[in-house]
Amino acid sequence: MPGTRRIVDLSHPISDGTVTYPGLPAPSIRTHTTRESSGARFGTGVSFHIAKITMVANTGTYLDAPFHFHDDGPDVAELPLERLVDVPAVLVRALGRRAVEPDAFPEPERLAGHAVLVHTGHAVHWGSDRYFGPAPYLAAATVDLLVSAGVLLVGIDSLNIDNVDDPHRPAHHNLLGANIPIIEHLTALDQLPDDEPLRLTALPARVRGMGTFPVRAVALVG
C-alpha cells in the first residue's frame, strides 16, 4: 500500500546467560518479587512480578557514548536526542568484507547528517562461537571518511566496529572523539530495503556515569 510504513527491530534480545562479547560475563536475569509472594501480601486477587538483572553495560545490542573512550566526553545520559531519535539513516551493504573500506560508501554529501548502518551479515552467527571469530570491522580510512562527512551515528551488525587485533581502536577513538555515537551488535539489517527512506531510533536508559548501555534500536521504513 502506498505510504505504508513499517518498523524493523534491529536489536538482539537480552536473555539470561547469553554472552555478547568474549571475556565479559553473561547477564543474569532472576525474579526479585514473585507473583505468589505479592499476591499473598495483597490478599485481593492482585499480584505482580518484579525481575532483577545483573549485567555489564556491553550486553546485547548496545550504544557507545564518547565517555566510553574519552573521559571528558558525554556519557549515555548526556547524549543529544537529535542523534538518537528519528534520525535519517543510510544503509551500506558490506557483505563478504572483513575490513569495510571507503569504496563501500556513497559520496560524503549523502552521509552528512545521517545515521550510517553497516550491513556485514555477521549477525547471522549471533549465539555461536563463529560470532566471536574473525569479524567485519571498519577500516581506519572509512572512519576518517565518516568523521569528515559529519555523520550523526554509526552502527554495525558485527562483534566490534574495530579490528579486535588492533590496540589503537581507530573507530572507537576517532568516532567517539568526534561525538559520534556507535551501535554494535545490530541485527536484521538484511530486512531493510535499499530503495526506501529509513529513519533510526536507538535509545539507552538515561544512566549517568556510563559510557555504554543496551538500546532498543528500531528502523522506520518508508
Protein backbone atom coordinates (compact mmCIF):
# COMPACT_ATOMS: atom_id res chain seq x y z
CA MET A 1 0.00 0.00 0.00
CA PRO A 2 1.46 3.41 -0.94
CA GLY A 3 2.53 5.42 2.07
CA THR A 4 2.66 2.36 4.35
CA ARG A 5 5.45 2.45 6.90
CA ARG A 6 6.81 -0.46 8.87
CA ILE A 7 9.04 -0.86 11.90
CA VAL A 8 12.01 -3.24 11.91
CA ASP A 9 13.60 -4.22 15.22
CA LEU A 10 17.39 -4.10 14.85
CA SER A 11 18.18 -5.33 18.37
CA HIS A 12 19.13 -8.72 19.75
CA PRO A 13 17.04 -9.77 22.76
CA ILE A 14 18.92 -9.97 26.05
CA SER A 15 18.49 -13.41 27.60
CA ASP A 16 19.80 -14.98 30.77
CA GLY A 17 23.24 -16.48 30.10
CA THR A 18 23.77 -15.04 26.61
CA VAL A 19 27.38 -13.97 26.06
CA THR A 20 27.72 -10.85 23.91
CA TYR A 21 31.50 -10.44 23.87
CA PRO A 22 34.18 -12.98 24.82
CA GLY A 23 35.62 -12.33 28.27
CA LEU A 24 32.62 -10.36 29.51
CA PRO A 25 30.11 -12.03 31.85
CA ALA A 26 26.71 -13.06 30.59
CA PRO A 27 23.62 -11.36 32.05
CA SER A 28 21.86 -12.98 34.97
CA ILE A 29 18.09 -12.49 34.99
CA ARG A 30 16.26 -13.57 38.12
CA THR A 31 12.98 -12.95 39.96
CA HIS A 32 13.09 -10.44 42.80
CA THR A 33 9.38 -10.49 43.70
CA THR A 34 7.20 -13.44 42.73
CA ARG A 35 3.51 -13.28 41.88
CA GLU A 36 2.88 -15.68 44.74
CA SER A 37 4.56 -13.52 47.37
CA SER A 38 2.98 -10.30 46.14
CA GLY A 39 -0.42 -11.94 45.87
CA ALA A 40 -0.19 -13.21 49.43
CA ARG A 41 0.71 -9.70 50.61
CA PHE A 42 -2.29 -8.08 48.93
CA GLY A 43 -4.82 -10.87 49.51
CA THR A 44 -7.13 -9.29 46.94
CA GLY A 45 -6.50 -11.42 43.88
CA VAL A 46 -3.96 -8.86 42.62
CA SER A 47 -0.31 -9.83 42.12
CA PHE A 48 2.74 -8.63 40.25
CA HIS A 49 6.22 -9.72 39.22
CA ILE A 50 9.49 -7.78 39.61
CA ALA A 51 12.64 -9.09 37.95
CA LYS A 52 16.28 -8.15 38.51
CA ILE A 53 19.14 -8.25 36.05
CA THR A 54 22.87 -8.24 36.65
CA MET A 55 24.93 -7.41 33.57
CA VAL A 56 27.79 -5.41 32.19
CA ALA A 57 26.76 -2.45 30.06
CA ASN A 58 28.19 -4.04 26.89
CA THR A 59 25.37 -6.57 26.61
CA GLY A 60 23.15 -7.33 23.64
CA THR A 61 22.82 -4.51 21.11
CA TYR A 62 24.42 -1.53 22.81
CA LEU A 63 25.42 2.05 22.22
CA ASP A 64 28.84 3.56 22.89
CA ALA A 65 28.85 7.20 24.01
CA PRO A 66 32.01 9.35 23.80
CA PHE A 67 32.66 8.80 27.53
CA HIS A 68 33.39 5.15 26.72
CA PHE A 69 36.79 6.17 25.27
CA HIS A 70 37.15 9.82 26.32
CA ASP A 71 36.94 10.89 29.95
CA ASP A 72 35.72 14.38 29.02
CA GLY A 73 33.07 13.16 26.56
CA PRO A 74 29.32 12.92 27.25
CA ASP A 75 28.02 9.74 28.86
CA VAL A 76 24.85 7.96 27.72
CA ALA A 77 22.69 10.27 29.85
CA GLU A 78 24.13 13.36 28.17
CA LEU A 79 23.82 12.34 24.53
CA PRO A 80 21.79 14.78 22.42
CA LEU A 81 18.50 13.22 21.41
CA GLU A 82 18.91 14.65 17.89
CA ARG A 83 21.48 11.90 17.28
CA LEU A 84 19.25 9.11 18.63
CA VAL A 85 15.60 9.76 17.77
CA ASP A 86 14.00 9.66 14.31
CA VAL A 87 17.34 10.15 12.58
CA PRO A 88 17.51 9.76 8.77
CA ALA A 89 19.62 6.72 8.01
CA VAL A 90 21.80 5.41 5.19
CA LEU A 91 22.21 1.66 4.76
CA VAL A 92 25.58 0.42 3.49
CA ARG A 93 25.89 -3.15 2.23
CA ALA A 94 29.29 -4.66 3.01
CA LEU A 95 28.64 -8.38 2.71
CA GLY A 96 31.69 -10.58 2.31
CA ARG A 97 34.14 -7.95 3.56
CA ARG A 98 36.34 -8.24 6.61
CA ALA A 99 37.72 -4.71 6.52
CA VAL A 100 34.99 -2.35 5.28
CA GLU A 101 36.81 0.22 3.13
CA PRO A 102 35.59 3.65 1.93
CA ASP A 103 34.61 2.33 -1.51
CA ALA A 104 31.58 0.63 0.10
CA PHE A 105 30.08 4.03 0.99
CA PRO A 106 28.22 6.63 -1.04
CA GLU A 107 29.58 10.13 -1.55
CA PRO A 108 30.04 12.14 1.67
CA GLU A 109 27.20 14.57 0.96
CA ARG A 110 24.76 11.64 1.15
CA LEU A 111 26.15 10.67 4.55
CA ALA A 112 26.13 14.10 6.20
CA GLY A 113 23.50 14.44 8.93
CA HIS A 114 22.58 10.74 8.77
CA ALA A 115 22.98 7.63 10.87
CA VAL A 116 25.05 5.12 8.90
CA LEU A 117 24.12 1.45 9.29
CA VAL A 118 26.75 -1.00 8.01
CA HIS A 119 25.33 -4.38 7.00
CA THR A 120 28.07 -7.03 7.07
CA GLY A 121 25.83 -10.07 7.52
CA HIS A 122 27.79 -11.17 10.59
CA ALA A 123 24.67 -11.10 12.79
CA VAL A 124 23.67 -14.47 11.33
CA HIS A 125 26.32 -16.02 13.60
CA TRP A 126 24.89 -14.50 16.81
CA GLY A 127 24.81 -17.07 19.60
CA SER A 128 27.55 -19.26 18.11
CA ASP A 129 31.32 -19.41 18.52
CA ARG A 130 31.64 -18.19 14.94
CA TYR A 131 30.33 -14.81 16.05
CA PHE A 132 33.45 -14.37 18.19
CA GLY A 133 35.81 -15.40 15.39
CA PRO A 134 37.16 -13.15 12.63
CA ALA A 135 34.51 -10.43 12.34
CA PRO A 136 34.00 -7.48 9.97
CA TYR A 137 35.10 -4.03 11.07
CA LEU A 138 35.58 -0.52 9.69
CA ALA A 139 38.95 0.32 8.18
CA ALA A 140 40.70 3.40 9.57
CA ALA A 141 40.23 5.23 6.26
CA THR A 142 36.50 4.59 6.49
CA VAL A 143 36.41 6.12 9.95
CA ASP A 144 38.13 9.23 8.58
CA LEU A 145 35.51 9.42 5.81
CA LEU A 146 32.61 9.20 8.27
CA VAL A 147 34.03 11.79 10.62
CA SER A 148 34.77 14.27 7.83
CA ALA A 149 31.31 13.67 6.30
CA GLY A 150 29.60 14.73 9.54
CA VAL A 151 27.51 11.62 10.22
CA LEU A 152 25.31 11.58 13.33
CA LEU A 153 25.78 7.95 14.39
CA VAL A 154 27.37 4.75 13.09
CA GLY A 155 26.02 1.24 13.64
CA ILE A 156 27.30 -2.18 12.59
CA ASP A 157 25.96 -5.74 12.81
CA SER A 158 29.26 -7.20 13.96
CA LEU A 159 31.20 -8.13 17.07
CA ASN A 160 33.15 -4.88 17.08
CA ILE A 161 33.34 -1.79 14.91
CA ASP A 162 37.14 -2.05 15.21
CA ASN A 163 39.54 -4.82 14.33
CA VAL A 164 39.89 -6.54 17.71
CA ASP A 165 43.56 -7.23 16.92
CA ASP A 166 44.31 -3.51 16.60
CA PRO A 167 45.02 -1.99 20.04
CA HIS A 168 44.68 1.54 18.65
CA ARG A 169 40.93 1.09 18.10
CA PRO A 170 40.67 3.88 15.47
CA ALA A 171 36.90 3.61 15.01
CA HIS A 172 36.10 3.93 18.70
CA HIS A 173 38.76 6.54 19.37
CA ASN A 174 38.01 8.80 16.39
CA LEU A 175 34.24 8.45 16.04
CA LEU A 176 33.65 8.93 19.76
CA GLY A 177 36.25 11.68 19.78
CA ALA A 178 34.07 13.48 17.23
CA ASN A 179 30.99 12.92 19.47
CA ILE A 180 29.56 10.35 17.04
CA PRO A 181 27.87 7.52 18.99
CA ILE A 182 28.39 3.91 17.92
CA ILE A 183 25.97 0.98 18.00
CA GLU A 184 27.43 -2.53 17.89
CA HIS A 185 25.75 -5.93 17.54
CA LEU A 186 22.88 -4.76 15.38
CA THR A 187 20.75 -7.38 13.66
CA ALA A 188 18.09 -7.70 10.94
CA LEU A 189 19.79 -5.19 8.62
CA ASP A 190 19.05 -7.70 5.86
CA GLN A 191 15.36 -6.85 6.37
CA LEU A 192 15.89 -3.22 5.41
CA PRO A 193 15.32 -2.20 1.78
CA ASP A 194 17.85 -0.43 -0.40
CA ASP A 195 15.36 1.85 -2.12
CA GLU A 196 13.12 3.26 0.62
CA PRO A 197 13.66 6.05 3.16
CA LEU A 198 14.93 4.89 6.55
CA ARG A 199 14.84 6.54 9.95
CA LEU A 200 16.52 5.21 13.08
CA THR A 201 15.67 5.49 16.76
CA ALA A 202 18.01 3.96 19.36
CA LEU A 203 17.66 4.99 22.99
CA PRO A 204 19.66 3.82 26.01
CA ALA A 205 18.36 4.30 29.52
CA ARG A 206 19.39 7.70 30.89
CA VAL A 207 22.05 6.41 33.29
CA ARG A 208 24.76 8.79 34.44
CA GLY A 209 28.42 7.83 34.55
CA MET A 210 28.21 5.10 31.92
CA GLY A 211 29.83 5.13 28.51
CA THR A 212 27.85 2.19 27.10
CA PHE A 213 24.34 0.80 27.55
CA PRO A 214 21.95 -1.56 25.71
CA VAL A 215 19.49 0.02 23.31
CA ARG A 216 16.30 -0.93 21.54
CA ALA A 217 17.27 0.11 18.03
CA VAL A 218 14.41 0.28 15.52
CA ALA A 219 14.22 1.41 11.93
CA LEU A 220 11.17 3.08 10.41
CA VAL A 221 10.94 2.10 6.76
CA GLY A 222 9.08 4.05 4.11
